[in-house]
Amino acid sequence: MTKRNVPIRGQSIYVEIEGEEHLPTVVFLHGFTGSTSTWMDVRRHLAGSYRTVAVDLTGHGKTSIPDDPERYGMKEQLTDLNELFNELNMQAFHLVGYSMGGRIALGYTVEYPEKVNALILESSSPGLEDEADRHTRKAADRLLAKKIMDNGLKSFVNSWENIPLFNSQKALPTEQREQIRQERLSQTEKGLSNSLLGIGTGSQPSYWHMLDSIRKPVLLLTGELDEKFVNIAMEMKKRVPSWKHTVVSDAGHAIHVEKPSLFATMIKDYMNELH
């Protein structure tokens, strides 16, 4: 496996690349509080069949933590990613994004459609369509960002791992739950706080009106226990009926964490369907 920090536009983006260049490439974008390590088990299952590229997004993991929240904005992150892919000489690839990473992956596909062979969105959304909803969400994200800075990372993680969205993770083995906790604790107050301010759901542009402009194959994956995101995916599929939506039984928000082998198999099956 190649692990490296790539200098991009005054920042440094951390990537992990595994597999031969001749193999089809799958790029993975993690969610809020995540990093490349969240994909470790999924990538292990794909080894030999695919070249995998996992990226630490701005403010997360081993990637730069800019002082200015605007540097975390959607347009900035999409430009950074495109420069990164050009630097790595990646012409076209399958793109997988989870939650926050899914919102960024969707934005990337809208802006750079020639680079994306297929898009897989796990528990994600195109943002908020209603301006009032965006305003409310931005205010909530500002409050949470301040709380992280005031109370510290550990206090935030203690509360974040207990929100209803992650209830299903409480059934995971202790060792796995500890790995997830350590990944969250490996972040920084500034990185998480600025992510909320710059790329929170209320801050990003809404892509709802752009969904039908995407001409690439799209797979939506949601866990049946994650009702909010099941409904969002159903609405997305209603807008673009050609998209495929799969609901995974007995899984919550982070399917790739709860059922990595199944998640990898679904990616493989979907890629095989496309050929």
C-alpha atoms as a PDB file:
ATOM      1  CA  MET A   1       0.000   0.000   0.000  1.00  0.00           C
ATOM      2  CA  THR A   2       1.207   3.508  -0.852  1.00  0.00           C
ATOM      3  CA  LYS A   3       0.590   6.136   1.841  1.00  0.00           C
ATOM      4  CA  ARG A   4       1.451   9.720   1.053  1.00  0.00           C
ATOM      5  CA  ASN A   5       0.633  13.377   1.542  1.00  0.00           C
ATOM      6  CA  VAL A   6       0.191  15.209  -1.750  1.00  0.00           C
ATOM      7  CA  PRO A   7       0.723  19.000  -1.823  1.00  0.00           C
ATOM      8  CA  ILE A   8      -2.370  20.592  -3.376  1.00  0.00           C
ATOM      9  CA  ARG A   9      -3.139  24.334  -3.572  1.00  0.00           C
ATOM     10  CA  GLY A  10      -1.185  25.225  -0.446  1.00  0.00           C
ATOM     11  CA  GLN A  11      -2.573  22.266   1.498  1.00  0.00           C
ATOM     12  CA  SER A  12      -1.473  18.674   1.971  1.00  0.00           C
ATOM     13  CA  ILE A  13      -3.925  15.860   1.206  1.00  0.00           C
ATOM     14  CA  TYR A  14      -3.319  12.381   2.629  1.00  0.00           C
ATOM     15  CA  VAL A  15      -4.125   9.389   0.421  1.00  0.00           C
ATOM     16  CA  GLU A  16      -3.777   5.623   0.626  1.00  0.00           C
ATOM     17  CA  ILE A  17      -3.520   3.696  -2.633  1.00  0.00           C
ATOM     18  CA  GLU A  18      -3.619  -0.077  -2.910  1.00  0.00           C
ATOM     19  CA  GLY A  19      -3.627  -2.327  -5.965  1.00  0.00           C
ATOM     20  CA  GLU A  20      -2.134  -2.399  -9.461  1.00  0.00           C
ATOM     21  CA  GLU A  21      -2.719   0.528 -11.814  1.00  0.00           C
ATOM     22  CA  HIS A  22      -4.297  -1.665 -14.512  1.00  0.00           C
ATOM     23  CA  LEU A  23      -7.181  -2.606 -12.171  1.00  0.00           C
ATOM     24  CA  PRO A  24     -10.430  -0.576 -12.135  1.00  0.00           C
ATOM     25  CA  THR A  25     -10.062   2.232  -9.564  1.00  0.00           C
ATOM     26  CA  VAL A  26     -12.494   2.903  -6.717  1.00  0.00           C
ATOM     27  CA  VAL A  27     -12.137   6.146  -4.732  1.00  0.00           C
ATOM     28  CA  PHE A  28     -13.502   6.330  -1.162  1.00  0.00           C
ATOM     29  CA  LEU A  29     -14.563   9.534   0.649  1.00  0.00           C
ATOM     30  CA  HIS A  30     -15.289   9.180   4.386  1.00  0.00           C
ATOM     31  CA  GLY A  31     -17.878  10.927   6.555  1.00  0.00           C
ATOM     32  CA  PHE A  32     -17.636  13.583   9.282  1.00  0.00           C
ATOM     33  CA  THR A  33     -15.165  12.508  12.036  1.00  0.00           C
ATOM     34  CA  GLY A  34     -13.843   9.777   9.701  1.00  0.00           C
ATOM     35  CA  SER A  35     -10.608   9.092   7.822  1.00  0.00           C
ATOM     36  CA  THR A  36      -9.092   6.613   5.393  1.00  0.00           C
ATOM     37  CA  SER A  37      -9.089   3.973   8.139  1.00  0.00           C
ATOM     38  CA  THR A  38     -12.907   3.739   8.112  1.00  0.00           C
ATOM     39  CA  TRP A  39     -12.631   1.894   4.749  1.00  0.00           C
ATOM     40  CA  MET A  40      -9.950  -0.580   5.847  1.00  0.00           C
ATOM     41  CA  ASP A  41     -12.177  -3.681   6.017  1.00  0.00           C
ATOM     42  CA  VAL A  42     -14.083  -2.868   2.801  1.00  0.00           C
ATOM     43  CA  ARG A  43     -10.832  -2.299   0.910  1.00  0.00           C
ATOM     44  CA  ARG A  44      -9.451  -5.601   2.174  1.00  0.00           C
ATOM     45  CA  HIS A  45     -12.439  -7.375   0.610  1.00  0.00           C
ATOM     46  CA  LEU A  46     -11.847  -5.588  -2.716  1.00  0.00           C
ATOM     47  CA  ALA A  47      -8.104  -6.336  -2.837  1.00  0.00           C
ATOM     48  CA  GLY A  48      -7.030  -8.093  -6.031  1.00  0.00           C
ATOM     49  CA  SER A  49     -10.112  -7.048  -7.993  1.00  0.00           C
ATOM     50  CA  TYR A  50      -9.842  -3.262  -7.681  1.00  0.00           C
ATOM     51  CA  ARG A  51      -7.291  -0.545  -7.115  1.00  0.00           C
ATOM     52  CA  THR A  52      -8.573   1.442  -4.142  1.00  0.00           C
ATOM     53  CA  VAL A  53      -7.819   5.062  -3.295  1.00  0.00           C
ATOM     54  CA  ALA A  54      -8.923   6.426   0.094  1.00  0.00           C
ATOM     55  CA  VAL A  55      -8.666  10.155   0.830  1.00  0.00           C
ATOM     56  CA  ASP A  56      -8.592  12.090   4.107  1.00  0.00           C
ATOM     57  CA  LEU A  57     -10.875  15.059   3.447  1.00  0.00           C
ATOM     58  CA  THR A  58      -9.975  18.615   4.505  1.00  0.00           C
ATOM     59  CA  GLY A  59      -9.626  18.963   8.279  1.00  0.00           C
ATOM     60  CA  HIS A  60      -9.701  15.195   8.853  1.00  0.00           C
ATOM     61  CA  GLY A  61      -7.094  12.525   9.495  1.00  0.00           C
ATOM     62  CA  LYS A  62      -3.642  13.412   8.163  1.00  0.00           C
ATOM     63  CA  THR A  63      -4.834  16.076   5.694  1.00  0.00           C
ATOM     64  CA  SER A  64      -4.256  19.797   6.342  1.00  0.00           C
ATOM     65  CA  ILE A  65      -6.433  21.654   8.854  1.00  0.00           C
ATOM     66  CA  PRO A  66      -6.901  25.165   7.418  1.00  0.00           C
ATOM     67  CA  ASP A  67      -7.696  28.055   9.780  1.00  0.00           C
ATOM     68  CA  ASP A  68     -10.354  29.538   7.488  1.00  0.00           C
ATOM     69  CA  PRO A  69     -13.721  27.677   7.467  1.00  0.00           C
ATOM     70  CA  GLU A  70     -14.304  28.891   3.899  1.00  0.00           C
ATOM     71  CA  ARG A  71     -11.391  26.690   2.776  1.00  0.00           C
ATOM     72  CA  TYR A  72     -13.625  23.719   3.743  1.00  0.00           C
ATOM     73  CA  GLY A  73     -16.471  24.874   1.449  1.00  0.00           C
ATOM     74  CA  MET A  74     -17.838  22.620  -1.285  1.00  0.00           C
ATOM     75  CA  LYS A  75     -16.238  24.481  -4.203  1.00  0.00           C
ATOM     76  CA  GLU A  76     -12.807  24.475  -2.515  1.00  0.00           C
ATOM     77  CA  GLN A  77     -12.958  20.764  -1.666  1.00  0.00           C
ATOM     78  CA  LEU A  78     -14.080  19.806  -5.181  1.00  0.00           C
ATOM     79  CA  THR A  79     -11.215  21.817  -6.703  1.00  0.00           C
ATOM     80  CA  ASP A  80      -8.748  20.206  -4.261  1.00  0.00           C
ATOM     81  CA  LEU A  81      -9.974  16.702  -5.110  1.00  0.00           C
ATOM     82  CA  ASN A  82      -9.813  17.309  -8.844  1.00  0.00           C
ATOM     83  CA  GLU A  83      -6.239  18.644  -8.544  1.00  0.00           C
ATOM     84  CA  LEU A  84      -5.373  15.611  -6.412  1.00  0.00           C
ATOM     85  CA  PHE A  85      -6.780  13.168  -8.971  1.00  0.00           C
ATOM     86  CA  ASN A  86      -4.922  14.966 -11.762  1.00  0.00           C
ATOM     87  CA  GLU A  87      -1.704  14.854  -9.725  1.00  0.00           C
ATOM     88  CA  LEU A  88      -2.203  11.092  -9.233  1.00  0.00           C
ATOM     89  CA  ASN A  89      -2.875  10.738 -12.973  1.00  0.00           C
ATOM     90  CA  MET A  90      -6.362   9.312 -12.375  1.00  0.00           C
ATOM     91  CA  GLN A  91      -8.427   9.769 -15.530  1.00  0.00           C
ATOM     92  CA  ALA A  92     -11.683   8.031 -14.563  1.00  0.00           C
ATOM     93  CA  PHE A  93     -12.831   5.987 -11.579  1.00  0.00           C
ATOM     94  CA  HIS A  94     -15.760   4.716  -9.550  1.00  0.00           C
ATOM     95  CA  LEU A  95     -16.543   7.086  -6.680  1.00  0.00           C
ATOM     96  CA  VAL A  96     -17.895   5.950  -3.285  1.00  0.00           C
ATOM     97  CA  GLY A  97     -18.941   8.511  -0.668  1.00  0.00           C
ATOM     98  CA  TYR A  98     -20.386   8.050   2.812  1.00  0.00           C
ATOM     99  CA  SER A  99     -22.546  10.706   4.529  1.00  0.00           C
ATOM    100  CA  MET A 100     -20.519  13.981   4.339  1.00  0.00           C
ATOM    101  CA  GLY A 101     -18.194  12.274   1.843  1.00  0.00           C
ATOM    102  CA  GLY A 102     -21.265  11.304  -0.171  1.00  0.00           C
ATOM    103  CA  ARG A 103     -22.374  14.929  -0.384  1.00  0.00           C
ATOM    104  CA  ILE A 104     -18.900  15.827  -1.642  1.00  0.00           C
ATOM    105  CA  ALA A 105     -18.878  12.854  -4.063  1.00  0.00           C
ATOM    106  CA  LEU A 106     -22.230  13.966  -5.482  1.00  0.00           C
ATOM    107  CA  GLY A 107     -20.928  17.517  -5.893  1.00  0.00           C
ATOM    108  CA  TYR A 108     -17.810  16.178  -7.605  1.00  0.00           C
ATOM    109  CA  THR A 109     -19.881  14.138 -10.063  1.00  0.00           C
ATOM    110  CA  VAL A 110     -21.972  17.215 -10.927  1.00  0.00           C
ATOM    111  CA  GLU A 111     -18.847  19.364 -11.486  1.00  0.00           C
ATOM    112  CA  TYR A 112     -16.512  16.806 -13.075  1.00  0.00           C
ATOM    113  CA  PRO A 113     -18.750  14.179 -14.734  1.00  0.00           C
ATOM    114  CA  GLU A 114     -16.027  13.083 -17.159  1.00  0.00           C
ATOM    115  CA  LYS A 115     -13.971  11.695 -14.248  1.00  0.00           C
ATOM    116  CA  VAL A 116     -16.681   9.510 -12.694  1.00  0.00           C
ATOM    117  CA  ASN A 117     -17.596   6.141 -14.216  1.00  0.00           C
ATOM    118  CA  ALA A 118     -20.178   5.359 -11.541  1.00  0.00           C
ATOM    119  CA  LEU A 119     -21.252   6.955  -8.259  1.00  0.00           C
ATOM    120  CA  ILE A 120     -22.120   5.060  -5.074  1.00  0.00           C
ATOM    121  CA  LEU A 121     -23.693   7.114  -2.290  1.00  0.00           C
ATOM    122  CA  GLU A 122     -23.984   5.554   1.152  1.00  0.00           C
ATOM    123  CA  SER A 123     -26.390   7.229   3.591  1.00  0.00           C
ATOM    124  CA  SER A 124     -26.038  10.606   1.935  1.00  0.00           C
ATOM    125  CA  SER A 125     -28.031  13.533   0.568  1.00  0.00           C
ATOM    126  CA  PRO A 126     -27.929  16.296  -2.056  1.00  0.00           C
ATOM    127  CA  GLY A 127     -28.128  18.895   0.734  1.00  0.00           C
ATOM    128  CA  LEU A 128     -31.210  20.843   1.799  1.00  0.00           C
ATOM    129  CA  GLU A 129     -33.597  22.107  -0.848  1.00  0.00           C
ATOM    130  CA  ASP A 130     -35.436  24.628   1.310  1.00  0.00           C
ATOM    131  CA  GLU A 131     -33.649  27.883   2.178  1.00  0.00           C
ATOM    132  CA  ALA A 132     -35.263  28.109   5.623  1.00  0.00           C
ATOM    133  CA  ASP A 133     -34.087  24.548   6.381  1.00  0.00           C
ATOM    134  CA  ARG A 134     -30.557  25.494   5.308  1.00  0.00           C
ATOM    135  CA  HIS A 135     -30.629  28.539   7.564  1.00  0.00           C
ATOM    136  CA  THR A 136     -31.808  26.461  10.561  1.00  0.00           C
ATOM    137  CA  ARG A 137     -29.184  23.770   9.931  1.00  0.00           C
ATOM    138  CA  LYS A 138     -26.392  26.342   9.583  1.00  0.00           C
ATOM    139  CA  ALA A 139     -27.332  27.821  12.958  1.00  0.00           C
ATOM    140  CA  ALA A 140     -27.313  24.341  14.561  1.00  0.00           C
ATOM    141  CA  ASP A 141     -23.915  23.557  12.997  1.00  0.00           C
ATOM    142  CA  ARG A 142     -22.502  26.867  14.269  1.00  0.00           C
ATOM    143  CA  LEU A 143     -23.639  25.987  17.793  1.00  0.00           C
ATOM    144  CA  LEU A 144     -22.097  22.521  17.588  1.00  0.00           C
ATOM    145  CA  ALA A 145     -18.844  23.945  16.164  1.00  0.00           C
ATOM    146  CA  LYS A 146     -18.605  26.362  19.104  1.00  0.00           C
ATOM    147  CA  LYS A 147     -19.341  23.545  21.556  1.00  0.00           C
ATOM    148  CA  ILE A 148     -16.495  21.459  20.117  1.00  0.00           C
ATOM    149  CA  MET A 149     -14.045  24.352  20.507  1.00  0.00           C
ATOM    150  CA  ASP A 150     -15.289  25.246  24.007  1.00  0.00           C
ATOM    151  CA  ASN A 151     -15.607  21.745  25.502  1.00  0.00           C
ATOM    152  CA  GLY A 152     -12.922  19.829  23.645  1.00  0.00           C
ATOM    153  CA  LEU A 153     -12.756  16.767  21.409  1.00  0.00           C
ATOM    154  CA  LYS A 154     -13.368  14.067  24.027  1.00  0.00           C
ATOM    155  CA  SER A 155     -16.554  15.706  25.285  1.00  0.00           C
ATOM    156  CA  PHE A 156     -17.821  15.990  21.694  1.00  0.00           C
ATOM    157  CA  VAL A 157     -17.000  12.357  20.833  1.00  0.00           C
ATOM    158  CA  ASN A 158     -18.706  11.134  24.028  1.00  0.00           C
ATOM    159  CA  SER A 159     -21.870  12.868  22.929  1.00  0.00           C
ATOM    160  CA  TRP A 160     -21.548  12.200  19.143  1.00  0.00           C
ATOM    161  CA  GLU A 161     -21.243   8.424  19.524  1.00  0.00           C
ATOM    162  CA  ASN A 162     -24.524   8.424  21.460  1.00  0.00           C
ATOM    163  CA  ILE A 163     -26.726  10.254  18.944  1.00  0.00           C
ATOM    164  CA  PRO A 164     -29.646   8.163  17.569  1.00  0.00           C
ATOM    165  CA  LEU A 165     -28.001   7.989  14.111  1.00  0.00           C
ATOM    166  CA  PHE A 166     -25.394   5.581  15.513  1.00  0.00           C
ATOM    167  CA  ASN A 167     -27.618   3.470  17.799  1.00  0.00           C
ATOM    168  CA  SER A 168     -27.117   0.356  15.662  1.00  0.00           C
ATOM    169  CA  GLN A 169     -23.336   0.563  16.227  1.00  0.00           C
ATOM    170  CA  LYS A 170     -23.880  -0.271  19.896  1.00  0.00           C
ATOM    171  CA  ALA A 171     -24.452  -3.889  18.837  1.00  0.00           C
ATOM    172  CA  LEU A 172     -20.964  -4.114  17.300  1.00  0.00           C
ATOM    173  CA  PRO A 173     -18.183  -6.015  19.119  1.00  0.00           C
ATOM    174  CA  THR A 174     -16.362  -3.973  21.777  1.00  0.00           C
ATOM    175  CA  GLU A 175     -13.096  -4.010  19.836  1.00  0.00           C
ATOM    176  CA  GLN A 176     -14.769  -2.582  16.724  1.00  0.00           C
ATOM    177  CA  ARG A 177     -16.568   0.122  18.704  1.00  0.00           C
ATOM    178  CA  GLU A 178     -13.251   1.086  20.267  1.00  0.00           C
ATOM    179  CA  GLN A 179     -11.668   1.385  16.787  1.00  0.00           C
ATOM    180  CA  ILE A 180     -14.475   3.744  15.696  1.00  0.00           C
ATOM    181  CA  ARG A 181     -14.050   5.789  18.876  1.00  0.00           C
ATOM    182  CA  GLN A 182     -10.278   6.053  18.396  1.00  0.00           C
ATOM    183  CA  GLU A 183     -10.765   7.212  14.800  1.00  0.00           C
ATOM    184  CA  ARG A 184     -13.055   9.993  16.044  1.00  0.00           C
ATOM    185  CA  LEU A 185     -10.633  10.880  18.848  1.00  0.00           C
ATOM    186  CA  SER A 186      -7.777  11.117  16.322  1.00  0.00           C
ATOM    187  CA  GLN A 187      -9.384  14.248  14.850  1.00  0.00           C
ATOM    188  CA  THR A 188      -8.867  17.840  16.060  1.00  0.00           C
ATOM    189  CA  GLU A 189     -11.277  20.400  17.490  1.00  0.00           C
ATOM    190  CA  LYS A 190     -10.402  22.914  14.760  1.00  0.00           C
ATOM    191  CA  GLY A 191     -10.750  20.428  11.905  1.00  0.00           C
ATOM    192  CA  LEU A 192     -14.191  19.238  13.008  1.00  0.00           C
ATOM    193  CA  SER A 193     -15.433  22.690  13.957  1.00  0.00           C
ATOM    194  CA  ASN A 194     -14.371  24.225  10.639  1.00  0.00           C
ATOM    195  CA  SER A 195     -15.837  21.258   8.732  1.00  0.00           C
ATOM    196  CA  LEU A 196     -19.229  21.959  10.294  1.00  0.00           C
ATOM    197  CA  LEU A 197     -18.948  25.652   9.391  1.00  0.00           C
ATOM    198  CA  GLY A 198     -17.624  25.127   5.861  1.00  0.00           C
ATOM    199  CA  ILE A 199     -19.132  21.891   4.516  1.00  0.00           C
ATOM    200  CA  GLY A 200     -22.080  21.279   6.880  1.00  0.00           C
ATOM    201  CA  THR A 201     -25.361  20.290   5.210  1.00  0.00           C
ATOM    202  CA  GLY A 202     -26.717  23.815   5.698  1.00  0.00           C
ATOM    203  CA  SER A 203     -23.615  25.484   4.221  1.00  0.00           C
ATOM    204  CA  GLN A 204     -23.247  23.455   1.043  1.00  0.00           C
ATOM    205  CA  PRO A 205     -25.246  24.228  -2.119  1.00  0.00           C
ATOM    206  CA  SER A 206     -28.360  22.130  -2.720  1.00  0.00           C
ATOM    207  CA  TYR A 207     -27.917  19.641  -5.567  1.00  0.00           C
ATOM    208  CA  TRP A 208     -31.541  18.506  -5.677  1.00  0.00           C
ATOM    209  CA  HIS A 209     -32.193  20.438  -8.896  1.00  0.00           C
ATOM    210  CA  MET A 210     -29.038  18.975 -10.473  1.00  0.00           C
ATOM    211  CA  LEU A 211     -29.738  15.280  -9.901  1.00  0.00           C
ATOM    212  CA  ASP A 212     -31.266  14.662 -13.316  1.00  0.00           C
ATOM    213  CA  SER A 213     -28.229  16.264 -14.980  1.00  0.00           C
ATOM    214  CA  ILE A 214     -26.073  13.302 -13.851  1.00  0.00           C
ATOM    215  CA  ARG A 215     -25.752  10.894 -16.758  1.00  0.00           C
ATOM    216  CA  LYS A 216     -23.627   8.334 -14.932  1.00  0.00           C
ATOM    217  CA  PRO A 217     -24.889   5.184 -13.162  1.00  0.00           C
ATOM    218  CA  VAL A 218     -25.758   5.883  -9.512  1.00  0.00           C
ATOM    219  CA  LEU A 219     -26.299   3.408  -6.665  1.00  0.00           C
ATOM    220  CA  LEU A 220     -27.879   4.616  -3.416  1.00  0.00           C
ATOM    221  CA  LEU A 221     -27.209   2.467  -0.337  1.00  0.00           C
ATOM    222  CA  THR A 222     -29.046   2.942   2.942  1.00  0.00           C
ATOM    223  CA  GLY A 223     -29.476   0.877   6.103  1.00  0.00           C
ATOM    224  CA  GLU A 224     -33.060  -0.061   6.969  1.00  0.00           C
ATOM    225  CA  LEU A 225     -32.601   1.229  10.546  1.00  0.00           C
ATOM    226  CA  ASP A 226     -31.618   4.679   9.221  1.00  0.00           C
ATOM    227  CA  GLU A 227     -35.120   5.869   8.350  1.00  0.00           C
ATOM    228  CA  LYS A 228     -34.200   9.482   7.602  1.00  0.00           C
ATOM    229  CA  PHE A 229     -31.673   8.531   4.912  1.00  0.00           C
ATOM    230  CA  VAL A 230     -33.837   5.746   3.502  1.00  0.00           C
ATOM    231  CA  ASN A 231     -36.478   8.430   2.863  1.00  0.00           C
ATOM    232  CA  ILE A 232     -33.939  10.825   1.333  1.00  0.00           C
ATOM    233  CA  ALA A 233     -32.713   8.069  -1.021  1.00  0.00           C
ATOM    234  CA  MET A 234     -36.295   7.197  -1.975  1.00  0.00           C
ATOM    235  CA  GLU A 235     -36.918  10.842  -2.876  1.00  0.00           C
ATOM    236  CA  MET A 236     -33.713  10.955  -4.931  1.00  0.00           C
ATOM    237  CA  LYS A 237     -34.743   7.838  -6.823  1.00  0.00           C
ATOM    238  CA  LYS A 238     -38.187   9.377  -7.412  1.00  0.00           C
ATOM    239  CA  ARG A 239     -36.464  12.322  -9.098  1.00  0.00           C
ATOM    240  CA  VAL A 240     -34.202  10.035 -11.173  1.00  0.00           C
ATOM    241  CA  PRO A 241     -35.920   6.641 -11.598  1.00  0.00           C
ATOM    242  CA  SER A 242     -32.927   5.106 -13.414  1.00  0.00           C
ATOM    243  CA  TRP A 243     -30.873   5.265 -10.204  1.00  0.00           C
ATOM    244  CA  LYS A 244     -30.706   2.086  -8.149  1.00  0.00           C
ATOM    245  CA  HIS A 245     -31.572   2.128  -4.436  1.00  0.00           C
ATOM    246  CA  THR A 246     -30.743  -0.782  -2.143  1.00  0.00           C
ATOM    247  CA  VAL A 247     -31.870  -0.919   1.490  1.00  0.00           C
ATOM    248  CA  VAL A 248     -29.618  -3.119   3.619  1.00  0.00           C
ATOM    249  CA  SER A 249     -31.409  -5.188   6.264  1.00  0.00           C
ATOM    250  CA  ASP A 250     -30.465  -4.812   9.908  1.00  0.00           C
ATOM    251  CA  ALA A 251     -28.010  -1.954   9.243  1.00  0.00           C
ATOM    252  CA  GLY A 252     -27.879   1.670  10.319  1.00  0.00           C
ATOM    253  CA  HIS A 253     -26.148   4.775   8.959  1.00  0.00           C
ATOM    254  CA  ALA A 254     -22.625   3.331   8.502  1.00  0.00           C
ATOM    255  CA  ILE A 255     -23.238   0.154   6.504  1.00  0.00           C
ATOM    256  CA  HIS A 256     -19.558  -0.112   5.513  1.00  0.00           C
ATOM    257  CA  VAL A 257     -18.609  -0.262   9.206  1.00  0.00           C
ATOM    258  CA  GLU A 258     -21.413  -2.556  10.373  1.00  0.00           C
ATOM    259  CA  LYS A 259     -21.312  -4.958   7.401  1.00  0.00           C
ATOM    260  CA  PRO A 260     -18.019  -4.425   5.510  1.00  0.00           C
ATOM    261  CA  SER A 261     -18.058  -7.757   3.674  1.00  0.00           C
ATOM    262  CA  LEU A 262     -21.616  -7.226   2.420  1.00  0.00           C
ATOM    263  CA  PHE A 263     -20.824  -3.612   1.504  1.00  0.00           C
ATOM    264  CA  ALA A 264     -17.810  -4.719  -0.581  1.00  0.00           C
ATOM    265  CA  THR A 265     -19.886  -7.433  -2.252  1.00  0.00           C
ATOM    266  CA  MET A 266     -22.578  -4.896  -3.184  1.00  0.00           C
ATOM    267  CA  ILE A 267     -19.923  -2.658  -4.751  1.00  0.00           C
ATOM    268  CA  LYS A 268     -18.493  -5.599  -6.723  1.00  0.00           C
ATOM    269  CA  ASP A 269     -21.941  -6.766  -7.864  1.00  0.00           C
ATOM    270  CA  TYR A 270     -22.896  -3.276  -8.980  1.00  0.00           C
ATOM    271  CA  MET A 271     -19.628  -2.790 -10.907  1.00  0.00           C
ATOM    272  CA  ASN A 272     -20.138  -6.187 -12.586  1.00  0.00           C
ATOM    273  CA  GLU A 273     -23.652  -5.165 -13.626  1.00  0.00           C
ATOM    274  CA  LEU A 274     -22.190  -2.146 -15.425  1.00  0.00           C
ATOM    275  CA  HIS A 275     -19.902  -4.220 -17.646  1.00  0.00           C
END
